Amino acid sequence: MAEASHPLSISAAIPVIRIFDEQKAREFYLDYLGFSLDWTHRFEEDMPLYMQVTRDGCILHLSEHHGDATPGSTCFVPIANAMALHKELGDKRYRNLKPALDAMPWGLQITVTDPFGNRLRFCQMRNTRGIAETVVV
């Protein structure tokens, strides 16, 4: 057996989120949440869309493909400043959502639900081993 030239390293997971409408997905993830579009892919013109969006260190894959993900899933996203994100989202006045800033035992959390029933929980965590700031609640 050959030895690996690099030590084992596991990176952050990239969630695949099921979407049903490209325009609604772009409005929510790009316009409202402030993600940037990295790339899109379709096997043919009339085939389902698969795309990648990013914001800072968070990468999401959005897919119209039937078997890629289950609608109504939840993604937990560690962040560094929940209060700033809460203000940013509140200032945008997205007509379908007014997220709350909740003090949870694990930190400050903002839960948003996309137009397809998927939830993203943005959380400024306590005791995170360097992932986000310490929270005083």
C-alpha atoms as a PDB file:
ATOM      1  CA  MET A   1       0.000   0.000   0.000  1.00  0.00           C
ATOM      2  CA  ALA A   2       1.425   3.390  -0.992  1.00  0.00           C
ATOM      3  CA  GLU A   3       1.698   6.116   1.646  1.00  0.00           C
ATOM      4  CA  ALA A   4      -0.334   9.270   1.144  1.00  0.00           C
ATOM      5  CA  SER A   5       1.799  12.282   0.268  1.00  0.00           C
ATOM      6  CA  HIS A   6      -0.472  14.576   2.325  1.00  0.00           C
ATOM      7  CA  PRO A   7      -2.071  14.053   5.727  1.00  0.00           C
ATOM      8  CA  LEU A   8      -5.806  13.435   5.829  1.00  0.00           C
ATOM      9  CA  SER A   9      -7.816  16.650   5.905  1.00  0.00           C
ATOM     10  CA  ILE A  10     -11.604  16.960   5.900  1.00  0.00           C
ATOM     11  CA  SER A  11     -13.085  20.285   4.794  1.00  0.00           C
ATOM     12  CA  ALA A  12     -16.474  21.793   5.577  1.00  0.00           C
ATOM     13  CA  ALA A  13     -19.446  20.034   3.996  1.00  0.00           C
ATOM     14  CA  ILE A  14     -21.210  21.693   1.064  1.00  0.00           C
ATOM     15  CA  PRO A  15     -24.961  21.213   1.455  1.00  0.00           C
ATOM     16  CA  VAL A  16     -27.094  20.548  -1.617  1.00  0.00           C
ATOM     17  CA  ILE A  17     -30.408  22.396  -1.319  1.00  0.00           C
ATOM     18  CA  ARG A  18     -33.431  21.473  -3.440  1.00  0.00           C
ATOM     19  CA  ILE A  19     -34.986  24.346  -5.386  1.00  0.00           C
ATOM     20  CA  PHE A  20     -37.891  24.431  -7.849  1.00  0.00           C
ATOM     21  CA  ASP A  21     -37.682  27.857  -9.485  1.00  0.00           C
ATOM     22  CA  GLU A  22     -34.477  29.567 -10.625  1.00  0.00           C
ATOM     23  CA  GLN A  23     -35.864  33.110 -10.382  1.00  0.00           C
ATOM     24  CA  LYS A  24     -37.147  32.620  -6.813  1.00  0.00           C
ATOM     25  CA  ALA A  25     -33.847  30.995  -5.818  1.00  0.00           C
ATOM     26  CA  ARG A  26     -31.844  33.902  -7.225  1.00  0.00           C
ATOM     27  CA  GLU A  27     -34.108  36.459  -5.491  1.00  0.00           C
ATOM     28  CA  PHE A  28     -33.742  34.714  -2.136  1.00  0.00           C
ATOM     29  CA  TYR A  29     -30.120  33.531  -2.102  1.00  0.00           C
ATOM     30  CA  LEU A  30     -28.475  36.322  -4.133  1.00  0.00           C
ATOM     31  CA  ASP A  31     -30.628  39.412  -3.569  1.00  0.00           C
ATOM     32  CA  TYR A  32     -31.893  38.769  -0.040  1.00  0.00           C
ATOM     33  CA  LEU A  33     -29.156  36.698   1.631  1.00  0.00           C
ATOM     34  CA  GLY A  34     -26.295  38.361  -0.260  1.00  0.00           C
ATOM     35  CA  PHE A  35     -24.668  35.252  -1.733  1.00  0.00           C
ATOM     36  CA  SER A  36     -22.738  35.493  -5.006  1.00  0.00           C
ATOM     37  CA  LEU A  37     -23.336  33.198  -7.955  1.00  0.00           C
ATOM     38  CA  ASP A  38     -20.199  31.188  -8.759  1.00  0.00           C
ATOM     39  CA  TRP A  39     -21.451  29.011 -11.608  1.00  0.00           C
ATOM     40  CA  THR A  40     -24.469  27.264 -13.102  1.00  0.00           C
ATOM     41  CA  HIS A  41     -24.764  23.951 -14.937  1.00  0.00           C
ATOM     42  CA  ARG A  42     -27.408  22.236 -17.072  1.00  0.00           C
ATOM     43  CA  PHE A  43     -26.802  19.064 -19.055  1.00  0.00           C
ATOM     44  CA  GLU A  44     -28.973  20.551 -21.825  1.00  0.00           C
ATOM     45  CA  GLU A  45     -30.981  23.761 -22.252  1.00  0.00           C
ATOM     46  CA  ASP A  46     -34.269  22.382 -20.874  1.00  0.00           C
ATOM     47  CA  MET A  47     -32.707  20.248 -18.147  1.00  0.00           C
ATOM     48  CA  PRO A  48     -32.745  21.012 -14.387  1.00  0.00           C
ATOM     49  CA  LEU A  49     -30.389  23.676 -13.031  1.00  0.00           C
ATOM     50  CA  TYR A  50     -27.491  23.023 -10.650  1.00  0.00           C
ATOM     51  CA  MET A  51     -25.617  26.048  -9.294  1.00  0.00           C
ATOM     52  CA  GLN A  52     -23.140  27.113  -6.636  1.00  0.00           C
ATOM     53  CA  VAL A  53     -23.509  30.227  -4.482  1.00  0.00           C
ATOM     54  CA  THR A  54     -21.073  31.549  -1.873  1.00  0.00           C
ATOM     55  CA  ARG A  55     -20.881  34.174   0.803  1.00  0.00           C
ATOM     56  CA  ASP A  56     -17.622  34.514   2.688  1.00  0.00           C
ATOM     57  CA  GLY A  57     -16.686  30.941   3.663  1.00  0.00           C
ATOM     58  CA  CYS A  58     -20.170  29.454   3.138  1.00  0.00           C
ATOM     59  CA  ILE A  59     -20.709  27.427  -0.057  1.00  0.00           C
ATOM     60  CA  LEU A  60     -24.143  26.101  -1.044  1.00  0.00           C
ATOM     61  CA  HIS A  61     -25.197  24.001  -4.021  1.00  0.00           C
ATOM     62  CA  LEU A  62     -28.743  24.661  -5.243  1.00  0.00           C
ATOM     63  CA  SER A  63     -30.328  21.973  -7.389  1.00  0.00           C
ATOM     64  CA  GLU A  64     -33.503  21.498  -9.390  1.00  0.00           C
ATOM     65  CA  HIS A  65     -32.631  17.800  -9.871  1.00  0.00           C
ATOM     66  CA  HIS A  66     -35.297  15.532  -8.355  1.00  0.00           C
ATOM     67  CA  GLY A  67     -32.990  13.127  -6.532  1.00  0.00           C
ATOM     68  CA  ASP A  68     -30.381  15.576  -5.243  1.00  0.00           C
ATOM     69  CA  ALA A  69     -31.942  16.731  -1.992  1.00  0.00           C
ATOM     70  CA  THR A  70     -35.108  16.683   0.095  1.00  0.00           C
ATOM     71  CA  PRO A  71     -37.257  19.834   0.293  1.00  0.00           C
ATOM     72  CA  GLY A  72     -37.694  21.021   3.873  1.00  0.00           C
ATOM     73  CA  SER A  73     -34.124  20.287   4.969  1.00  0.00           C
ATOM     74  CA  THR A  74     -32.149  22.406   7.435  1.00  0.00           C
ATOM     75  CA  CYS A  75     -28.565  23.702   7.113  1.00  0.00           C
ATOM     76  CA  PHE A  76     -26.711  24.979  10.187  1.00  0.00           C
ATOM     77  CA  VAL A  77     -24.341  27.810   9.195  1.00  0.00           C
ATOM     78  CA  PRO A  78     -21.845  29.171  11.779  1.00  0.00           C
ATOM     79  CA  ILE A  79     -21.384  32.958  11.509  1.00  0.00           C
ATOM     80  CA  ALA A  80     -19.306  35.564  13.340  1.00  0.00           C
ATOM     81  CA  ASN A  81     -21.816  38.386  13.884  1.00  0.00           C
ATOM     82  CA  ALA A  82     -25.482  37.408  14.197  1.00  0.00           C
ATOM     83  CA  MET A  83     -26.586  40.911  15.143  1.00  0.00           C
ATOM     84  CA  ALA A  84     -25.067  42.405  11.973  1.00  0.00           C
ATOM     85  CA  LEU A  85     -26.720  39.775   9.766  1.00  0.00           C
ATOM     86  CA  HIS A  86     -30.058  40.293  11.524  1.00  0.00           C
ATOM     87  CA  LYS A  87     -29.863  44.036  10.869  1.00  0.00           C
ATOM     88  CA  GLU A  88     -28.799  43.499   7.234  1.00  0.00           C
ATOM     89  CA  LEU A  89     -31.726  41.170   6.550  1.00  0.00           C
ATOM     90  CA  GLY A  90     -34.175  43.437   8.385  1.00  0.00           C
ATOM     91  CA  ASP A  91     -33.053  46.449   6.351  1.00  0.00           C
ATOM     92  CA  LYS A  92     -33.789  44.569   3.097  1.00  0.00           C
ATOM     93  CA  ARG A  93     -37.456  44.127   4.029  1.00  0.00           C
ATOM     94  CA  TYR A  94     -37.956  40.859   2.158  1.00  0.00           C
ATOM     95  CA  ARG A  95     -41.723  40.668   1.824  1.00  0.00           C
ATOM     96  CA  ASN A  96     -42.040  36.959   2.642  1.00  0.00           C
ATOM     97  CA  LEU A  97     -39.899  36.766   5.767  1.00  0.00           C
ATOM     98  CA  LYS A  98     -38.975  38.712   8.894  1.00  0.00           C
ATOM     99  CA  PRO A  99     -36.414  36.579  10.739  1.00  0.00           C
ATOM    100  CA  ALA A 100     -35.977  36.789  14.498  1.00  0.00           C
ATOM    101  CA  LEU A 101     -32.710  36.826  16.406  1.00  0.00           C
ATOM    102  CA  ASP A 102     -33.044  34.062  18.999  1.00  0.00           C
ATOM    103  CA  ALA A 103     -30.851  33.418  22.043  1.00  0.00           C
ATOM    104  CA  MET A 104     -30.294  29.660  22.125  1.00  0.00           C
ATOM    105  CA  PRO A 105     -28.169  27.654  24.579  1.00  0.00           C
ATOM    106  CA  TRP A 106     -25.554  27.224  21.798  1.00  0.00           C
ATOM    107  CA  GLY A 107     -25.542  30.899  20.677  1.00  0.00           C
ATOM    108  CA  LEU A 108     -27.423  33.623  18.805  1.00  0.00           C
ATOM    109  CA  GLN A 109     -29.396  32.189  15.913  1.00  0.00           C
ATOM    110  CA  ILE A 110     -31.328  33.520  12.922  1.00  0.00           C
ATOM    111  CA  THR A 111     -33.472  31.010  11.031  1.00  0.00           C
ATOM    112  CA  VAL A 112     -34.638  31.831   7.512  1.00  0.00           C
ATOM    113  CA  THR A 113     -36.831  29.654   5.306  1.00  0.00           C
ATOM    114  CA  ASP A 114     -36.354  29.771   1.549  1.00  0.00           C
ATOM    115  CA  PRO A 115     -39.270  29.726  -0.947  1.00  0.00           C
ATOM    116  CA  PHE A 116     -38.921  25.924  -1.197  1.00  0.00           C
ATOM    117  CA  GLY A 117     -39.290  25.115   2.515  1.00  0.00           C
ATOM    118  CA  ASN A 118     -35.578  24.718   3.306  1.00  0.00           C
ATOM    119  CA  ARG A 119     -34.254  26.337   6.485  1.00  0.00           C
ATOM    120  CA  LEU A 120     -30.892  27.965   7.033  1.00  0.00           C
ATOM    121  CA  ARG A 121     -29.910  28.503  10.662  1.00  0.00           C
ATOM    122  CA  PHE A 122     -27.221  31.169  10.862  1.00  0.00           C
ATOM    123  CA  CYS A 123     -25.660  30.930  14.311  1.00  0.00           C
ATOM    124  CA  GLN A 124     -23.028  32.848  16.222  1.00  0.00           C
ATOM    125  CA  MET A 125     -21.995  29.940  18.412  1.00  0.00           C
ATOM    126  CA  ARG A 126     -20.632  29.633  21.933  1.00  0.00           C
ATOM    127  CA  ASN A 127     -17.431  27.618  22.500  1.00  0.00           C
ATOM    128  CA  THR A 128     -16.775  27.103  18.815  1.00  0.00           C
ATOM    129  CA  ARG A 129     -13.075  26.240  18.735  1.00  0.00           C
ATOM    130  CA  GLY A 130     -12.398  29.234  16.510  1.00  0.00           C
ATOM    131  CA  ILE A 131     -15.338  28.920  14.096  1.00  0.00           C
ATOM    132  CA  ALA A 132     -17.135  32.055  15.321  1.00  0.00           C
ATOM    133  CA  GLU A 133     -16.973  34.609  18.095  1.00  0.00           C
ATOM    134  CA  THR A 134     -17.968  33.773  21.659  1.00  0.00           C
ATOM    135  CA  VAL A 135     -21.494  34.906  22.446  1.00  0.00           C
ATOM    136  CA  VAL A 136     -22.662  36.508  25.672  1.00  0.00           C
ATOM    137  CA  VAL A 137     -26.429  36.014  25.930  1.00  0.00           C
END
